[in-house]
Amino acid sequence: MIESSAEDTFYGELFDVGWPAPARALRNKAFREWEAAGRPRSGQRPREDTPIGTTHFPWGDVPFLRYAPGMIVPDFDGDPDYGPMWAGESVSVITEVKPAGDIVRDLVREAEAALDKAG
């Protein structure tokens, strides 16, 4: 995400969200294969429903299928470049990874500065 920009995203119906609906995500291996195949609809995409890895849950392991709508989480083993990397065009403004507390403090500091400037 940090190295990505808005130009690295696409808007389309690649990943299943439960109904036909376009979504924005980063271009990855899944996108490139789908685009090379002519952006076919669900049911006709390259290697559809093959596992890209496994997500480990406390209750057991669950295969993560190609084009599934989930999220790649730390307990995933497999190739994350085939999973959805949801990202909007605002990905361009993400420049670093910071703890949530630091982000909130920055927002407060910036808001206070703007209020002081406004009088």
PDB file of N, CA and C in Angstrom:
ATOM      1  N   MET A   1       0.827  -1.189   0.000  1.00  0.00           N
ATOM      2  CA  MET A   1       0.000   0.000   0.000  1.00  0.00           C
ATOM      3  C   MET A   1       0.870   1.251   0.000  1.00  0.00           C
ATOM      4  N   ILE A   2       1.917   1.239   0.798  1.00  0.00           N
ATOM      5  CA  ILE A   2       2.764   2.420   0.923  1.00  0.00           C
ATOM      6  C   ILE A   2       3.413   2.777  -0.400  1.00  0.00           C
ATOM      7  N   GLU A   3       3.767   1.784  -1.181  1.00  0.00           N
ATOM      8  CA  GLU A   3       4.436   2.014  -2.461  1.00  0.00           C
ATOM      9  C   GLU A   3       3.460   2.215  -3.613  1.00  0.00           C
ATOM     10  N   SER A   4       2.154   2.146  -3.335  1.00  0.00           N
ATOM     11  CA  SER A   4       1.146   2.216  -4.393  1.00  0.00           C
ATOM     12  C   SER A   4       0.605   3.629  -4.559  1.00  0.00           C
ATOM     13  N   SER A   5       0.013   3.844  -5.733  1.00  0.00           N
ATOM     14  CA  SER A   5      -0.649   5.109  -6.023  1.00  0.00           C
ATOM     15  C   SER A   5      -2.026   4.813  -6.607  1.00  0.00           C
ATOM     16  N   ALA A   6      -2.811   5.845  -6.821  1.00  0.00           N
ATOM     17  CA  ALA A   6      -4.143   5.668  -7.393  1.00  0.00           C
ATOM     18  C   ALA A   6      -4.076   4.952  -8.736  1.00  0.00           C
ATOM     19  N   GLU A   7      -2.999   5.182  -9.488  1.00  0.00           N
ATOM     20  CA  GLU A   7      -2.850   4.544 -10.798  1.00  0.00           C
ATOM     21  C   GLU A   7      -2.641   3.031 -10.688  1.00  0.00           C
ATOM     22  N   ASP A   8      -2.305   2.553  -9.496  1.00  0.00           N
ATOM     23  CA  ASP A   8      -2.097   1.117  -9.279  1.00  0.00           C
ATOM     24  C   ASP A   8      -3.383   0.383  -8.948  1.00  0.00           C
ATOM     25  N   THR A   9      -4.504   1.114  -8.891  1.00  0.00           N
ATOM     26  CA  THR A   9      -5.782   0.488  -8.558  1.00  0.00           C
ATOM     27  C   THR A   9      -6.600   0.252  -9.829  1.00  0.00           C
ATOM     28  N   PHE A  10      -7.626  -0.576  -9.695  1.00  0.00           N
ATOM     29  CA  PHE A  10      -8.585  -0.781 -10.773  1.00  0.00           C
ATOM     30  C   PHE A  10      -9.972  -0.820 -10.161  1.00  0.00           C
ATOM     31  N   TYR A  11     -10.967  -0.577 -10.972  1.00  0.00           N
ATOM     32  CA  TYR A  11     -12.362  -0.616 -10.548  1.00  0.00           C
ATOM     33  C   TYR A  11     -13.063  -1.617 -11.438  1.00  0.00           C
ATOM     34  N   GLY A  12     -13.528  -2.710 -10.853  1.00  0.00           N
ATOM     35  CA  GLY A  12     -14.158  -3.734 -11.670  1.00  0.00           C
ATOM     36  C   GLY A  12     -14.755  -4.842 -10.836  1.00  0.00           C
ATOM     37  N   GLU A  13     -15.251  -5.853 -11.508  1.00  0.00           N
ATOM     38  CA  GLU A  13     -15.932  -6.980 -10.865  1.00  0.00           C
ATOM     39  C   GLU A  13     -15.054  -8.218 -10.850  1.00  0.00           C
ATOM     40  N   LEU A  14     -13.817  -8.077 -10.378  1.00  0.00           N
ATOM     41  CA  LEU A  14     -12.905  -9.217 -10.325  1.00  0.00           C
ATOM     42  C   LEU A  14     -13.213 -10.124  -9.146  1.00  0.00           C
ATOM     43  N   PHE A  15     -13.287  -9.564  -7.958  1.00  0.00           N
ATOM     44  CA  PHE A  15     -13.494 -10.364  -6.752  1.00  0.00           C
ATOM     45  C   PHE A  15     -14.977 -10.440  -6.427  1.00  0.00           C
ATOM     46  N   ASP A  16     -15.449 -11.641  -6.060  1.00  0.00           N
ATOM     47  CA  ASP A  16     -16.862 -11.840  -5.742  1.00  0.00           C
ATOM     48  C   ASP A  16     -17.191 -11.175  -4.410  1.00  0.00           C
ATOM     49  N   VAL A  17     -18.220 -10.354  -4.407  1.00  0.00           N
ATOM     50  CA  VAL A  17     -18.662  -9.743  -3.156  1.00  0.00           C
ATOM     51  C   VAL A  17     -20.048 -10.248  -2.773  1.00  0.00           C
ATOM     52  N   GLY A  18     -20.523 -11.298  -3.414  1.00  0.00           N
ATOM     53  CA  GLY A  18     -21.817 -11.886  -3.100  1.00  0.00           C
ATOM     54  C   GLY A  18     -22.885 -11.545  -4.129  1.00  0.00           C
ATOM     55  N   TRP A  19     -22.643 -10.534  -4.940  1.00  0.00           N
ATOM     56  CA  TRP A  19     -23.542 -10.124  -6.005  1.00  0.00           C
ATOM     57  C   TRP A  19     -22.702  -9.345  -7.014  1.00  0.00           C
ATOM     58  N   PRO A  20     -23.187  -9.148  -8.218  1.00  0.00           N
ATOM     59  CA  PRO A  20     -22.385  -8.393  -9.185  1.00  0.00           C
ATOM     60  C   PRO A  20     -22.231  -6.938  -8.732  1.00  0.00           C
ATOM     61  N   ALA A  21     -21.044  -6.587  -8.327  1.00  0.00           N
ATOM     62  CA  ALA A  21     -20.783  -5.218  -7.886  1.00  0.00           C
ATOM     63  C   ALA A  21     -19.314  -4.898  -8.097  1.00  0.00           C
ATOM     64  N   PRO A  22     -19.024  -3.819  -8.768  1.00  0.00           N
ATOM     65  CA  PRO A  22     -17.622  -3.441  -8.934  1.00  0.00           C
ATOM     66  C   PRO A  22     -17.043  -2.928  -7.623  1.00  0.00           C
ATOM     67  N   ALA A  23     -15.744  -3.104  -7.472  1.00  0.00           N
ATOM     68  CA  ALA A  23     -15.036  -2.621  -6.296  1.00  0.00           C
ATOM     69  C   ALA A  23     -13.644  -2.189  -6.736  1.00  0.00           C
ATOM     70  N   ARG A  24     -12.969  -1.416  -5.898  1.00  0.00           N
ATOM     71  CA  ARG A  24     -11.626  -0.931  -6.237  1.00  0.00           C
ATOM     72  C   ARG A  24     -10.598  -1.688  -5.404  1.00  0.00           C
ATOM     73  N   ALA A  25      -9.539  -2.129  -6.067  1.00  0.00           N
ATOM     74  CA  ALA A  25      -8.455  -2.860  -5.412  1.00  0.00           C
ATOM     75  C   ALA A  25      -7.159  -2.595  -6.166  1.00  0.00           C
ATOM     76  N   LEU A  26      -6.054  -3.032  -5.573  1.00  0.00           N
ATOM     77  CA  LEU A  26      -4.767  -2.897  -6.244  1.00  0.00           C
ATOM     78  C   LEU A  26      -4.650  -3.940  -7.350  1.00  0.00           C
ATOM     79  N   ARG A  27      -4.002  -3.562  -8.429  1.00  0.00           N
ATOM     80  CA  ARG A  27      -3.706  -4.516  -9.496  1.00  0.00           C
ATOM     81  C   ARG A  27      -2.680  -5.511  -8.969  1.00  0.00           C
ATOM     82  N   ASN A  28      -2.946  -6.797  -9.170  1.00  0.00           N
ATOM     83  CA  ASN A  28      -2.024  -7.844  -8.714  1.00  0.00           C
ATOM     84  C   ASN A  28      -2.029  -8.979  -9.738  1.00  0.00           C
ATOM     85  N   LYS A  29      -1.479 -10.132  -9.375  1.00  0.00           N
ATOM     86  CA  LYS A  29      -1.434 -11.263 -10.311  1.00  0.00           C
ATOM     87  C   LYS A  29      -2.835 -11.658 -10.770  1.00  0.00           C
ATOM     88  N   ALA A  30      -3.778 -11.697  -9.841  1.00  0.00           N
ATOM     89  CA  ALA A  30      -5.148 -12.075 -10.197  1.00  0.00           C
ATOM     90  C   ALA A  30      -5.713 -11.099 -11.222  1.00  0.00           C
ATOM     91  N   PHE A  31      -5.478  -9.808 -11.008  1.00  0.00           N
ATOM     92  CA  PHE A  31      -5.962  -8.797 -11.950  1.00  0.00           C
ATOM     93  C   PHE A  31      -5.321  -8.986 -13.323  1.00  0.00           C
ATOM     94  N   ARG A  32      -3.997  -9.165 -13.351  1.00  0.00           N
ATOM     95  CA  ARG A  32      -3.304  -9.282 -14.635  1.00  0.00           C
ATOM     96  C   ARG A  32      -3.790 -10.500 -15.432  1.00  0.00           C
ATOM     97  N   GLU A  33      -4.017 -11.632 -14.756  1.00  0.00           N
ATOM     98  CA  GLU A  33      -4.532 -12.820 -15.450  1.00  0.00           C
ATOM     99  C   GLU A  33      -5.954 -12.593 -15.938  1.00  0.00           C
ATOM    100  N   TRP A  34      -6.765 -11.954 -15.120  1.00  0.00           N
ATOM    101  CA  TRP A  34      -8.153 -11.661 -15.472  1.00  0.00           C
ATOM    102  C   TRP A  34      -8.208 -10.708 -16.662  1.00  0.00           C
ATOM    103  N   GLU A  35      -7.380  -9.681 -16.628  1.00  0.00           N
ATOM    104  CA  GLU A  35      -7.355  -8.718 -17.731  1.00  0.00           C
ATOM    105  C   GLU A  35      -6.859  -9.377 -19.024  1.00  0.00           C
ATOM    106  N   ALA A  36      -5.818 -10.208 -18.931  1.00  0.00           N
ATOM    107  CA  ALA A  36      -5.288 -10.904 -20.107  1.00  0.00           C
ATOM    108  C   ALA A  36      -6.349 -11.818 -20.730  1.00  0.00           C
ATOM    109  N   ALA A  37      -7.275 -12.324 -19.894  1.00  0.00           N
ATOM    110  CA  ALA A  37      -8.344 -13.201 -20.387  1.00  0.00           C
ATOM    111  C   ALA A  37      -9.534 -12.404 -20.914  1.00  0.00           C
ATOM    112  N   GLY A  38      -9.456 -11.055 -20.871  1.00  0.00           N
ATOM    113  CA  GLY A  38     -10.548 -10.227 -21.385  1.00  0.00           C
ATOM    114  C   GLY A  38     -11.572  -9.824 -20.344  1.00  0.00           C
ATOM    115  N   ARG A  39     -11.205  -9.896 -19.061  1.00  0.00           N
ATOM    116  CA  ARG A  39     -12.093  -9.533 -17.938  1.00  0.00           C
ATOM    117  C   ARG A  39     -13.406 -10.325 -17.954  1.00  0.00           C
ATOM    118  N   PRO A  40     -13.321 -11.650 -18.018  1.00  0.00           N
ATOM    119  CA  PRO A  40     -14.558 -12.447 -18.046  1.00  0.00           C
ATOM    120  C   PRO A  40     -15.343 -12.331 -16.732  1.00  0.00           C
ATOM    121  N   ARG A  41     -16.618 -12.577 -16.832  1.00  0.00           N
ATOM    122  CA  ARG A  41     -17.512 -12.536 -15.663  1.00  0.00           C
ATOM    123  C   ARG A  41     -17.272 -13.735 -14.754  1.00  0.00           C
ATOM    124  N   SER A  42     -17.846 -13.646 -13.562  1.00  0.00           N
ATOM    125  CA  SER A  42     -17.794 -14.735 -12.591  1.00  0.00           C
ATOM    126  C   SER A  42     -18.265 -16.026 -13.247  1.00  0.00           C
ATOM    127  N   GLY A  43     -17.528 -17.091 -12.985  1.00  0.00           N
ATOM    128  CA  GLY A  43     -17.838 -18.386 -13.582  1.00  0.00           C
ATOM    129  C   GLY A  43     -16.989 -18.685 -14.810  1.00  0.00           C
ATOM    130  N   GLN A  44     -16.302 -17.648 -15.338  1.00  0.00           N
ATOM    131  CA  GLN A  44     -15.501 -17.821 -16.542  1.00  0.00           C
ATOM    132  C   GLN A  44     -14.081 -17.282 -16.369  1.00  0.00           C
ATOM    133  N   ARG A  45     -13.704 -16.920 -15.142  1.00  0.00           N
ATOM    134  CA  ARG A  45     -12.381 -16.341 -14.898  1.00  0.00           C
ATOM    135  C   ARG A  45     -11.306 -17.425 -14.837  1.00  0.00           C
ATOM    136  N   PRO A  46     -10.054 -17.057 -15.119  1.00  0.00           N
ATOM    137  CA  PRO A  46      -8.960 -18.044 -15.110  1.00  0.00           C
ATOM    138  C   PRO A  46      -8.828 -18.752 -13.762  1.00  0.00           C
ATOM    139  N   ARG A  47      -8.759 -20.069 -13.814  1.00  0.00           N
ATOM    140  CA  ARG A  47      -8.541 -20.930 -12.636  1.00  0.00           C
ATOM    141  C   ARG A  47      -9.480 -20.600 -11.478  1.00  0.00           C
ATOM    142  N   GLU A  48     -10.709 -20.306 -11.814  1.00  0.00           N
ATOM    143  CA  GLU A  48     -11.707 -19.931 -10.816  1.00  0.00           C
ATOM    144  C   GLU A  48     -11.905 -21.039  -9.782  1.00  0.00           C
ATOM    145  N   ASP A  49     -12.094 -20.617  -8.548  1.00  0.00           N
ATOM    146  CA  ASP A  49     -12.370 -21.500  -7.405  1.00  0.00           C
ATOM    147  C   ASP A  49     -11.227 -22.429  -7.033  1.00  0.00           C
ATOM    148  N   THR A  50     -10.019 -22.146  -7.502  1.00  0.00           N
ATOM    149  CA  THR A  50      -8.862 -22.911  -7.024  1.00  0.00           C
ATOM    150  C   THR A  50      -8.308 -22.191  -5.801  1.00  0.00           C
ATOM    151  N   PRO A  51      -7.815 -22.930  -4.830  1.00  0.00           N
ATOM    152  CA  PRO A  51      -7.272 -22.287  -3.628  1.00  0.00           C
ATOM    153  C   PRO A  51      -5.998 -21.498  -3.931  1.00  0.00           C
ATOM    154  N   ILE A  52      -5.887 -20.320  -3.300  1.00  0.00           N
ATOM    155  CA  ILE A  52      -4.654 -19.543  -3.381  1.00  0.00           C
ATOM    156  C   ILE A  52      -3.863 -19.681  -2.082  1.00  0.00           C
ATOM    157  N   GLY A  53      -4.471 -20.333  -1.108  1.00  0.00           N
ATOM    158  CA  GLY A  53      -3.820 -20.534   0.179  1.00  0.00           C
ATOM    159  C   GLY A  53      -4.824 -20.989   1.223  1.00  0.00           C
ATOM    160  N   THR A  54      -4.413 -20.888   2.476  1.00  0.00           N
ATOM    161  CA  THR A  54      -5.228 -21.327   3.604  1.00  0.00           C
ATOM    162  C   THR A  54      -5.207 -20.254   4.684  1.00  0.00           C
ATOM    163  N   THR A  55      -6.378 -19.978   5.240  1.00  0.00           N
ATOM    164  CA  THR A  55      -6.460 -19.096   6.401  1.00  0.00           C
ATOM    165  C   THR A  55      -6.632 -19.987   7.628  1.00  0.00           C
ATOM    166  N   HIS A  56      -5.797 -19.749   8.631  1.00  0.00           N
ATOM    167  CA  HIS A  56      -5.830 -20.549   9.858  1.00  0.00           C
ATOM    168  C   HIS A  56      -6.677 -19.836  10.911  1.00  0.00           C
ATOM    169  N   PHE A  57      -7.766 -20.483  11.304  1.00  0.00           N
ATOM    170  CA  PHE A  57      -8.652 -19.977  12.347  1.00  0.00           C
ATOM    171  C   PHE A  57      -8.528 -20.869  13.570  1.00  0.00           C
ATOM    172  N   PRO A  58      -8.924 -20.387  14.748  1.00  0.00           N
ATOM    173  CA  PRO A  58      -8.876 -21.243  15.941  1.00  0.00           C
ATOM    174  C   PRO A  58      -9.692 -22.527  15.778  1.00  0.00           C
ATOM    175  N   TRP A  59     -10.743 -22.489  14.978  1.00  0.00           N
ATOM    176  CA  TRP A  59     -11.604 -23.661  14.794  1.00  0.00           C
ATOM    177  C   TRP A  59     -11.167 -24.543  13.629  1.00  0.00           C
ATOM    178  N   GLY A  60     -10.145 -24.130  12.919  1.00  0.00           N
ATOM    179  CA  GLY A  60      -9.636 -24.964  11.835  1.00  0.00           C
ATOM    180  C   GLY A  60      -9.165 -24.146  10.647  1.00  0.00           C
ATOM    181  N   ASP A  61      -8.565 -24.843   9.712  1.00  0.00           N
ATOM    182  CA  ASP A  61      -8.037 -24.210   8.510  1.00  0.00           C
ATOM    183  C   ASP A  61      -9.119 -24.137   7.436  1.00  0.00           C
ATOM    184  N   VAL A  62      -9.152 -23.013   6.723  1.00  0.00           N
ATOM    185  CA  VAL A  62     -10.143 -22.804   5.671  1.00  0.00           C
ATOM    186  C   VAL A  62      -9.416 -22.399   4.393  1.00  0.00           C
ATOM    187  N   PRO A  63      -9.671 -23.112   3.286  1.00  0.00           N
ATOM    188  CA  PRO A  63      -9.040 -22.717   2.026  1.00  0.00           C
ATOM    189  C   PRO A  63      -9.530 -21.333   1.599  1.00  0.00           C
ATOM    190  N   PHE A  64      -8.620 -20.524   1.102  1.00  0.00           N
ATOM    191  CA  PHE A  64      -8.971 -19.211   0.553  1.00  0.00           C
ATOM    192  C   PHE A  64      -9.005 -19.382  -0.959  1.00  0.00           C
ATOM    193  N   LEU A  65     -10.180 -19.264  -1.538  1.00  0.00           N
ATOM    194  CA  LEU A  65     -10.350 -19.519  -2.965  1.00  0.00           C
ATOM    195  C   LEU A  65     -10.046 -18.278  -3.804  1.00  0.00           C
ATOM    196  N   ARG A  66      -9.521 -18.516  -4.974  1.00  0.00           N
ATOM    197  CA  ARG A  66      -9.239 -17.439  -5.925  1.00  0.00           C
ATOM    198  C   ARG A  66     -10.531 -16.656  -6.179  1.00  0.00           C
ATOM    199  N   TYR A  67     -10.443 -15.347  -6.186  1.00  0.00           N
ATOM    200  CA  TYR A  67     -11.543 -14.406  -6.416  1.00  0.00           C
ATOM    201  C   TYR A  67     -12.503 -14.299  -5.234  1.00  0.00           C
ATOM    202  N   ALA A  68     -12.176 -14.898  -4.095  1.00  0.00           N
ATOM    203  CA  ALA A  68     -13.022 -14.750  -2.905  1.00  0.00           C
ATOM    204  C   ALA A  68     -12.914 -13.311  -2.404  1.00  0.00           C
ATOM    205  N   PRO A  69     -13.950 -12.800  -1.743  1.00  0.00           N
ATOM    206  CA  PRO A  69     -13.964 -11.392  -1.363  1.00  0.00           C
ATOM    207  C   PRO A  69     -13.280 -11.061  -0.043  1.00  0.00           C
ATOM    208  N   GLY A  70     -12.753 -12.007   0.660  1.00  0.00           N
ATOM    209  CA  GLY A  70     -12.205 -11.756   1.993  1.00  0.00           C
ATOM    210  C   GLY A  70     -11.007 -10.836   2.013  1.00  0.00           C
ATOM    211  N   MET A  71     -10.272 -10.934   3.099  1.00  0.00           N
ATOM    212  CA  MET A  71      -9.065 -10.137   3.267  1.00  0.00           C
ATOM    213  C   MET A  71      -7.913 -11.076   3.578  1.00  0.00           C
ATOM    214  N   ILE A  72      -6.752 -10.727   3.089  1.00  0.00           N
ATOM    215  CA  ILE A  72      -5.550 -11.480   3.425  1.00  0.00           C
ATOM    216  C   ILE A  72      -5.115 -11.010   4.813  1.00  0.00           C
ATOM    217  N   VAL A  73      -5.106 -11.927   5.767  1.00  0.00           N
ATOM    218  CA  VAL A  73      -4.804 -11.604   7.167  1.00  0.00           C
ATOM    219  C   VAL A  73      -3.491 -12.278   7.570  1.00  0.00           C
ATOM    220  N   PRO A  74      -2.926 -11.900   8.722  1.00  0.00           N
ATOM    221  CA  PRO A  74      -1.648 -12.501   9.135  1.00  0.00           C
ATOM    222  C   PRO A  74      -1.674 -14.030   9.244  1.00  0.00           C
ATOM    223  N   ASP A  75      -2.848 -14.624   9.490  1.00  0.00           N
ATOM    224  CA  ASP A  75      -2.938 -16.077   9.617  1.00  0.00           C
ATOM    225  C   ASP A  75      -3.187 -16.767   8.277  1.00  0.00           C
ATOM    226  N   PHE A  76      -2.848 -16.105   7.181  1.00  0.00           N
ATOM    227  CA  PHE A  76      -2.999 -16.656   5.840  1.00  0.00           C
ATOM    228  C   PHE A  76      -1.666 -17.218   5.381  1.00  0.00           C
ATOM    229  N   ASP A  77      -1.687 -18.431   4.852  1.00  0.00           N
ATOM    230  CA  ASP A  77      -0.517 -19.033   4.211  1.00  0.00           C
ATOM    231  C   ASP A  77      -0.867 -19.259   2.749  1.00  0.00           C
ATOM    232  N   GLY A  78      -0.088 -18.681   1.863  1.00  0.00           N
ATOM    233  CA  GLY A  78      -0.341 -18.838   0.445  1.00  0.00           C
ATOM    234  C   GLY A  78       0.231 -17.666  -0.314  1.00  0.00           C
ATOM    235  N   ASP A  79      -0.299 -17.427  -1.510  1.00  0.00           N
ATOM    236  CA  ASP A  79       0.188 -16.337  -2.352  1.00  0.00           C
ATOM    237  C   ASP A  79      -0.775 -15.156  -2.255  1.00  0.00           C
ATOM    238  N   PRO A  80      -0.445 -14.149  -1.446  1.00  0.00           N
ATOM    239  CA  PRO A  80      -1.358 -13.019  -1.267  1.00  0.00           C
ATOM    240  C   PRO A  80      -1.550 -12.191  -2.538  1.00  0.00           C
ATOM    241  N   ASP A  81      -0.683 -12.356  -3.526  1.00  0.00           N
ATOM    242  CA  ASP A  81      -0.811 -11.585  -4.755  1.00  0.00           C
ATOM    243  C   ASP A  81      -1.985 -12.055  -5.614  1.00  0.00           C
ATOM    244  N   TYR A  82      -2.667 -13.113  -5.190  1.00  0.00           N
ATOM    245  CA  TYR A  82      -3.877 -13.557  -5.873  1.00  0.00           C
ATOM    246  C   TYR A  82      -5.128 -13.178  -5.099  1.00  0.00           C
ATOM    247  N   GLY A  83      -4.976 -12.607  -3.927  1.00  0.00           N
ATOM    248  CA  GLY A  83      -6.119 -12.216  -3.110  1.00  0.00           C
ATOM    249  C   GLY A  83      -6.454 -10.748  -3.290  1.00  0.00           C
ATOM    250  N   PRO A  84      -7.628 -10.347  -2.819  1.00  0.00           N
ATOM    251  CA  PRO A  84      -8.013  -8.945  -2.952  1.00  0.00           C
ATOM    252  C   PRO A  84      -7.194  -8.055  -2.021  1.00  0.00           C
ATOM    253  N   MET A  85      -6.674  -6.986  -2.568  1.00  0.00           N
ATOM    254  CA  MET A  85      -5.977  -5.956  -1.800  1.00  0.00           C
ATOM    255  C   MET A  85      -6.804  -4.693  -1.983  1.00  0.00           C
ATOM    256  N   TRP A  86      -7.872  -4.615  -1.201  1.00  0.00           N
ATOM    257  CA  TRP A  86      -8.824  -3.516  -1.332  1.00  0.00           C
ATOM    258  C   TRP A  86      -8.110  -2.184  -1.094  1.00  0.00           C
ATOM    259  N   ALA A  87      -8.250  -1.269  -2.013  1.00  0.00           N
ATOM    260  CA  ALA A  87      -7.634   0.045  -1.882  1.00  0.00           C
ATOM    261  C   ALA A  87      -8.333   1.021  -2.815  1.00  0.00           C
ATOM    262  N   GLY A  88      -8.660   2.173  -2.288  1.00  0.00           N
ATOM    263  CA  GLY A  88      -9.249   3.222  -3.105  1.00  0.00           C
ATOM    264  C   GLY A  88      -8.169   4.113  -3.700  1.00  0.00           C
ATOM    265  N   GLU A  89      -8.612   5.115  -4.438  1.00  0.00           N
ATOM    266  CA  GLU A  89      -7.660   6.034  -5.054  1.00  0.00           C
ATOM    267  C   GLU A  89      -6.864   6.828  -4.023  1.00  0.00           C
ATOM    268  N   SER A  90      -7.380   6.910  -2.802  1.00  0.00           N
ATOM    269  CA  SER A  90      -6.664   7.640  -1.748  1.00  0.00           C
ATOM    270  C   SER A  90      -5.425   6.896  -1.262  1.00  0.00           C
ATOM    271  N   VAL A  91      -5.161   5.714  -1.810  1.00  0.00           N
ATOM    272  CA  VAL A  91      -3.957   4.981  -1.443  1.00  0.00           C
ATOM    273  C   VAL A  91      -2.715   5.828  -1.706  1.00  0.00           C
ATOM    274  N   SER A  92      -2.826   6.796  -2.599  1.00  0.00           N
ATOM    275  CA  SER A  92      -1.694   7.675  -2.914  1.00  0.00           C
ATOM    276  C   SER A  92      -1.211   8.481  -1.713  1.00  0.00           C
ATOM    277  N   VAL A  93      -2.091   8.728  -0.744  1.00  0.00           N
ATOM    278  CA  VAL A  93      -1.691   9.569   0.395  1.00  0.00           C
ATOM    279  C   VAL A  93      -1.145   8.750   1.570  1.00  0.00           C
ATOM    280  N   ILE A  94      -1.120   7.435   1.430  1.00  0.00           N
ATOM    281  CA  ILE A  94      -0.535   6.591   2.475  1.00  0.00           C
ATOM    282  C   ILE A  94       0.968   6.533   2.226  1.00  0.00           C
ATOM    283  N   THR A  95       1.735   7.105   3.153  1.00  0.00           N
ATOM    284  CA  THR A  95       3.178   7.189   2.937  1.00  0.00           C
ATOM    285  C   THR A  95       3.987   6.477   4.007  1.00  0.00           C
ATOM    286  N   GLU A  96       3.322   6.051   5.090  1.00  0.00           N
ATOM    287  CA  GLU A  96       4.044   5.363   6.159  1.00  0.00           C
ATOM    288  C   GLU A  96       3.069   4.564   7.011  1.00  0.00           C
ATOM    289  N   VAL A  97       3.597   3.624   7.786  1.00  0.00           N
ATOM    290  CA  VAL A  97       2.804   2.841   8.719  1.00  0.00           C
ATOM    291  C   VAL A  97       3.085   3.382  10.112  1.00  0.00           C
ATOM    292  N   LYS A  98       2.019   3.751  10.821  1.00  0.00           N
ATOM    293  CA  LYS A  98       2.160   4.311  12.163  1.00  0.00           C
ATOM    294  C   LYS A  98       1.139   3.669  13.089  1.00  0.00           C
ATOM    295  N   PRO A  99       1.437   3.610  14.382  1.00  0.00           N
ATOM    296  CA  PRO A  99       0.437   3.130  15.344  1.00  0.00           C
ATOM    297  C   PRO A  99      -0.785   4.049  15.351  1.00  0.00           C
ATOM    298  N   ALA A 100      -1.951   3.494  15.634  1.00  0.00           N
ATOM    299  CA  ALA A 100      -3.198   4.261  15.629  1.00  0.00           C
ATOM    300  C   ALA A 100      -3.118   5.466  16.567  1.00  0.00           C
ATOM    301  N   GLY A 101      -2.503   5.300  17.727  1.00  0.00           N
ATOM    302  CA  GLY A 101      -2.392   6.410  18.674  1.00  0.00           C
ATOM    303  C   GLY A 101      -1.634   7.580  18.084  1.00  0.00           C
ATOM    304  N   ASP A 102      -0.575   7.312  17.332  1.00  0.00           N
ATOM    305  CA  ASP A 102       0.192   8.382  16.687  1.00  0.00           C
ATOM    306  C   ASP A 102      -0.652   9.104  15.639  1.00  0.00           C
ATOM    307  N   ILE A 103      -1.443   8.349  14.917  1.00  0.00           N
ATOM    308  CA  ILE A 103      -2.299   8.950  13.895  1.00  0.00           C
ATOM    309  C   ILE A 103      -3.318   9.884  14.545  1.00  0.00           C
ATOM    310  N   VAL A 104      -3.926   9.435  15.637  1.00  0.00           N
ATOM    311  CA  VAL A 104      -4.913  10.271  16.331  1.00  0.00           C
ATOM    312  C   VAL A 104      -4.243  11.529  16.877  1.00  0.00           C
ATOM    313  N   ARG A 105      -3.071  11.389  17.481  1.00  0.00           N
ATOM    314  CA  ARG A 105      -2.365  12.571  18.001  1.00  0.00           C
ATOM    315  C   ARG A 105      -2.032  13.554  16.872  1.00  0.00           C
ATOM    316  N   ASP A 106      -1.607  13.032  15.721  1.00  0.00           N
ATOM    317  CA  ASP A 106      -1.325  13.899  14.574  1.00  0.00           C
ATOM    318  C   ASP A 106      -2.581  14.648  14.129  1.00  0.00           C
ATOM    319  N   LEU A 107      -3.705  13.933  14.054  1.00  0.00           N
ATOM    320  CA  LEU A 107      -4.960  14.569  13.656  1.00  0.00           C
ATOM    321  C   LEU A 107      -5.354  15.678  14.619  1.00  0.00           C
ATOM    322  N   VAL A 108      -5.225  15.421  15.924  1.00  0.00           N
ATOM    323  CA  VAL A 108      -5.558  16.427  16.932  1.00  0.00           C
ATOM    324  C   VAL A 108      -4.639  17.637  16.782  1.00  0.00           C
ATOM    325  N   ARG A 109      -3.348  17.396  16.653  1.00  0.00           N
ATOM    326  CA  ARG A 109      -2.386  18.493  16.506  1.00  0.00           C
ATOM    327  C   ARG A 109      -2.696  19.323  15.261  1.00  0.00           C
ATOM    328  N   GLU A 110      -2.980  18.662  14.145  1.00  0.00           N
ATOM    329  CA  GLU A 110      -3.291  19.374  12.910  1.00  0.00           C
ATOM    330  C   GLU A 110      -4.607  20.145  13.027  1.00  0.00           C
ATOM    331  N   ALA A 111      -5.597  19.554  13.679  1.00  0.00           N
ATOM    332  CA  ALA A 111      -6.884  20.257  13.872  1.00  0.00           C
ATOM    333  C   ALA A 111      -6.718  21.474  14.766  1.00  0.00           C
ATOM    334  N   GLU A 112      -5.949  21.330  15.837  1.00  0.00           N
ATOM    335  CA  GLU A 112      -5.699  22.475  16.712  1.00  0.00           C
ATOM    336  C   GLU A 112      -4.972  23.590  15.979  1.00  0.00           C
ATOM    337  N   ALA A 113      -3.998  23.232  15.156  1.00  0.00           N
ATOM    338  CA  ALA A 113      -3.266  24.241  14.380  1.00  0.00           C
ATOM    339  C   ALA A 113      -4.197  24.950  13.409  1.00  0.00           C
ATOM    340  N   ALA A 114      -5.081  24.226  12.745  1.00  0.00           N
ATOM    341  CA  ALA A 114      -6.025  24.832  11.806  1.00  0.00           C
ATOM    342  C   ALA A 114      -6.997  25.751  12.528  1.00  0.00           C
ATOM    343  N   LEU A 115      -7.450  25.342  13.715  1.00  0.00           N
ATOM    344  CA  LEU A 115      -8.367  26.182  14.488  1.00  0.00           C
ATOM    345  C   LEU A 115      -7.667  27.451  14.976  1.00  0.00           C
ATOM    346  N   ASP A 116      -6.420  27.312  15.419  1.00  0.00           N
ATOM    347  CA  ASP A 116      -5.660  28.487  15.846  1.00  0.00           C
ATOM    348  C   ASP A 116      -5.462  29.459  14.684  1.00  0.00           C
ATOM    349  N   LYS A 117      -5.167  28.936  13.524  1.00  0.00           N
ATOM    350  CA  LYS A 117      -4.941  29.766  12.345  1.00  0.00           C
ATOM    351  C   LYS A 117      -6.215  30.491  11.937  1.00  0.00           C
ATOM    352  N   ALA A 118      -7.361  29.796  12.092  1.00  0.00           N
ATOM    353  CA  ALA A 118      -8.650  30.386  11.715  1.00  0.00           C
ATOM    354  C   ALA A 118      -9.103  31.452  12.715  1.00  0.00           C
ATOM    355  N   GLY A 119      -8.482  31.459  13.873  1.00  0.00           N
ATOM    356  CA  GLY A 119      -8.805  32.486  14.875  1.00  0.00           C
ATOM    357  C   GLY A 119      -9.892  32.019  15.765  1.00  0.00           C
TER     358      GLY A 119
END
